[in-house]
Amino acid sequence: MKQQQWCGMSAKMGTVLSGVFTIIATNMYLIFEQKHLGNGNCSEIGPQEENISDLRQFVICWSFRIVLLLSAVTIALGCCLLYSVYAQLYKGLLLYVAWILVYEAVNLVIQIFTNEFSIGEVRVMRWLGFVFRALLHCFGMFFVVVYAHMVYKSQNQGNIVFYDRRVSMGSGETPRRKSKILSSATKQALSQN
């Protein structure tokens, strides 16, 4: 059976490329954002901004550490995605999809809160990087979801074989056999036809 392809890639190949992209893009994002995010000292917040909310102040002050933690988890889940493709584990694939949605949502919040502390050119580069990374993650998630569905279907079809007959292990009983009368009557009916 020939696998369906989108943009010249099968679902499995697109999933692998999505995992590799996630690892590389997250490393590049960390390298770029290291100089543009707060390190926990809140020196960027001036006296005119004293009336900001506690959540916003926390995000501004600890933005690089939040991004560092999220990125470490994302890199680990990118590796988990590659292993899930190898081992055909659909739960690992779905975990990756859920995490990428959370990761990009939190990065959007950080981007909005820390936007005013960047100069114009850096602000444009940060937004372009965020938009392109989010779009490519959405493109890759299509392949991941399709491949997770394929793995789930193949695992469920493989398990149907085991539902033929139940044998009770606790009581020591063997499965019932057809009576000899019934089986000889069936043989006679088949031989007459």
Protein backbone atom coordinates (compact mmCIF):
# COMPACT_ATOMS: atom_id res chain seq x y z
CA MET A 1 0.00 0.00 0.00
CA LYS A 2 1.46 3.36 -1.03
CA GLN A 3 1.54 5.98 1.69
CA GLN A 4 -0.13 9.31 1.04
CA GLN A 5 2.22 12.26 0.68
CA TRP A 6 1.85 15.97 1.34
CA CYS A 7 4.41 18.47 0.01
CA GLY A 8 6.46 15.51 -1.18
CA MET A 9 6.75 13.96 2.30
CA SER A 10 5.09 11.04 3.99
CA ALA A 11 3.58 11.55 7.44
CA LYS A 12 6.51 9.78 9.07
CA MET A 13 9.13 11.87 7.26
CA GLY A 14 7.26 15.10 8.07
CA THR A 15 7.12 14.08 11.73
CA VAL A 16 10.84 13.39 11.85
CA LEU A 17 11.57 16.74 10.19
CA SER A 18 9.26 18.45 12.67
CA GLY A 19 11.23 17.01 15.57
CA VAL A 20 14.57 18.03 14.07
CA PHE A 21 13.20 21.52 13.32
CA THR A 22 11.99 21.88 16.90
CA ILE A 23 15.39 21.04 18.35
CA ILE A 24 17.30 23.36 15.99
CA ALA A 25 14.82 26.26 16.15
CA THR A 26 14.70 26.13 19.95
CA ASN A 27 18.49 26.29 20.17
CA MET A 28 18.57 29.25 17.77
CA TYR A 29 15.80 30.99 19.72
CA LEU A 30 17.75 30.64 22.97
CA ILE A 31 20.92 32.04 21.40
CA PHE A 32 19.08 35.06 19.99
CA GLU A 33 16.94 35.83 23.04
CA GLN A 34 19.77 35.54 25.56
CA LYS A 35 20.72 39.19 25.08
CA HIS A 36 17.19 40.57 24.83
CA LEU A 37 15.40 39.11 27.83
CA GLY A 38 15.58 39.96 31.53
CA ASN A 39 17.82 37.95 33.87
CA GLY A 40 15.89 38.43 37.10
CA ASN A 41 17.31 41.78 38.27
CA CYS A 42 14.45 43.94 36.90
CA SER A 43 16.80 46.77 36.00
CA GLU A 44 14.79 47.42 32.81
CA ILE A 45 11.71 48.55 34.72
CA GLY A 46 11.92 52.29 35.24
CA PRO A 47 10.13 54.52 37.75
CA GLN A 48 7.38 55.38 35.23
CA GLU A 49 6.35 51.70 35.14
CA GLU A 50 5.82 51.10 38.85
CA ASN A 51 2.09 50.54 38.44
CA ILE A 52 2.40 47.35 36.33
CA SER A 53 0.75 44.13 37.48
CA ASP A 54 2.59 41.51 39.50
CA LEU A 55 2.25 38.90 36.74
CA ARG A 56 3.70 41.24 34.14
CA GLN A 57 6.56 42.23 36.43
CA PHE A 58 7.31 38.56 37.12
CA VAL A 59 7.32 37.72 33.40
CA ILE A 60 9.52 40.71 32.55
CA CYS A 61 12.00 40.05 35.35
CA TRP A 62 12.29 36.29 34.87
CA SER A 63 11.66 36.09 31.13
CA PHE A 64 14.99 34.52 30.17
CA ARG A 65 14.78 31.89 32.90
CA ILE A 66 11.21 31.06 31.88
CA VAL A 67 12.29 30.76 28.25
CA LEU A 68 15.30 28.67 29.26
CA LEU A 69 13.10 26.23 31.21
CA LEU A 70 10.50 26.01 28.43
CA SER A 71 13.22 25.51 25.84
CA ALA A 72 14.88 22.72 27.82
CA VAL A 73 11.56 20.89 28.05
CA THR A 74 10.90 21.53 24.34
CA ILE A 75 14.28 20.11 23.31
CA ALA A 76 13.64 17.05 25.50
CA LEU A 77 10.19 16.58 23.95
CA GLY A 78 11.69 17.03 20.46
CA CYS A 79 13.98 14.10 21.24
CA CYS A 80 10.97 12.23 22.69
CA LEU A 81 9.15 12.87 19.41
CA LEU A 82 11.98 11.32 17.43
CA TYR A 83 11.97 8.29 19.74
CA SER A 84 8.17 8.03 19.50
CA VAL A 85 8.47 7.88 15.71
CA TYR A 86 11.08 5.14 16.00
CA ALA A 87 9.09 3.14 18.59
CA GLN A 88 5.66 4.02 17.10
CA LEU A 89 4.24 5.48 20.33
CA TYR A 90 1.24 7.64 19.52
CA LYS A 91 1.01 9.02 23.09
CA GLY A 92 4.47 10.57 22.73
CA LEU A 93 3.40 12.16 19.47
CA LEU A 94 0.28 13.66 21.04
CA LEU A 95 2.27 14.88 24.06
CA TYR A 96 4.54 16.75 21.66
CA VAL A 97 1.56 18.43 19.95
CA ALA A 98 0.06 19.54 23.27
CA TRP A 99 3.40 20.86 24.51
CA ILE A 100 4.12 22.88 21.35
CA LEU A 101 0.77 24.65 21.74
CA VAL A 102 1.62 25.56 25.36
CA TYR A 103 5.19 26.52 24.44
CA GLU A 104 4.15 28.93 21.69
CA ALA A 105 1.36 30.44 23.82
CA VAL A 106 3.77 31.20 26.69
CA ASN A 107 6.34 32.56 24.23
CA LEU A 108 3.66 34.85 22.80
CA VAL A 109 2.91 36.22 26.28
CA ILE A 110 6.62 36.80 26.94
CA GLN A 111 7.00 38.43 23.54
CA ILE A 112 4.16 40.86 24.26
CA PHE A 113 5.32 41.75 27.78
CA THR A 114 8.98 42.30 26.84
CA ASN A 115 8.32 43.98 23.50
CA GLU A 116 8.79 47.55 24.72
CA PHE A 117 12.29 46.89 26.05
CA SER A 118 13.77 46.20 22.61
CA ILE A 119 14.90 48.68 19.99
CA GLY A 120 12.97 48.81 16.71
CA GLU A 121 15.15 46.52 14.60
CA VAL A 122 15.42 43.89 17.31
CA ARG A 123 11.67 44.07 17.91
CA VAL A 124 11.01 43.35 14.23
CA MET A 125 13.46 40.44 14.22
CA ARG A 126 11.93 38.95 17.38
CA TRP A 127 8.40 39.13 15.93
CA LEU A 128 9.47 37.70 12.58
CA GLY A 129 11.27 34.87 14.33
CA PHE A 130 8.24 34.13 16.48
CA VAL A 131 5.78 34.21 13.57
CA PHE A 132 7.88 32.00 11.29
CA ARG A 133 8.64 29.51 14.08
CA ALA A 134 4.95 29.30 15.06
CA LEU A 135 3.89 28.82 11.42
CA LEU A 136 6.47 26.09 10.86
CA HIS A 137 5.42 24.37 14.08
CA CYS A 138 1.80 24.41 12.85
CA PHE A 139 2.92 22.96 9.50
CA GLY A 140 4.88 20.22 11.30
CA MET A 141 2.02 19.46 13.68
CA PHE A 142 -0.13 18.45 10.72
CA PHE A 143 2.32 15.64 9.95
CA VAL A 144 2.61 14.67 13.62
CA VAL A 145 -1.15 14.40 14.07
CA VAL A 146 -1.58 12.40 10.84
CA TYR A 147 1.24 10.05 11.81
CA ALA A 148 -0.15 9.66 15.36
CA HIS A 149 -3.50 8.71 13.84
CA MET A 150 -1.81 6.16 11.57
CA VAL A 151 0.11 4.62 14.48
CA TYR A 152 -3.03 4.51 16.63
CA LYS A 153 -5.02 2.76 13.88
CA SER A 154 -2.27 0.23 13.22
CA GLN A 155 -1.90 -0.60 16.92
CA ASN A 156 -5.65 -1.08 17.35
CA GLN A 157 -5.88 -3.36 14.32
CA GLY A 158 -3.00 -5.43 15.65
CA ASN A 159 -4.74 -5.93 19.00
CA ILE A 160 -7.93 -7.38 17.48
CA VAL A 161 -6.23 -10.78 17.11
CA PHE A 162 -6.04 -11.14 20.88
CA TYR A 163 -9.79 -10.76 21.39
CA ASP A 164 -10.73 -14.14 19.87
CA ARG A 165 -11.23 -16.15 23.01
CA ARG A 166 -10.85 -15.55 26.72
CA VAL A 167 -9.23 -18.16 28.90
CA SER A 168 -9.69 -17.97 32.63
CA MET A 169 -6.29 -18.26 34.25
CA GLY A 170 -7.50 -18.22 37.85
CA SER A 171 -9.88 -21.19 37.91
CA GLY A 172 -7.82 -23.57 35.79
CA GLU A 173 -10.72 -24.16 33.39
CA THR A 174 -10.06 -24.78 29.74
CA PRO A 175 -12.14 -23.20 27.01
CA ARG A 176 -15.31 -25.03 26.07
CA ARG A 177 -15.17 -27.38 23.12
CA LYS A 178 -17.92 -27.96 20.66
CA SER A 179 -19.81 -31.15 21.26
CA LYS A 180 -19.09 -34.06 18.94
CA ILE A 181 -22.75 -34.25 17.93
CA LEU A 182 -22.76 -30.64 16.77
CA SER A 183 -19.51 -30.96 14.86
CA SER A 184 -20.56 -34.24 13.16
CA ALA A 185 -23.88 -32.67 12.15
CA THR A 186 -21.99 -29.73 10.65
CA LYS A 187 -19.70 -32.07 8.72
CA GLN A 188 -22.67 -33.97 7.30
CA ALA A 189 -24.35 -30.73 6.22
CA LEU A 190 -21.21 -29.57 4.50
CA SER A 191 -20.66 -32.89 2.72
CA GLN A 192 -24.22 -32.86 1.33
CA ASN A 193 -23.66 -29.47 -0.29
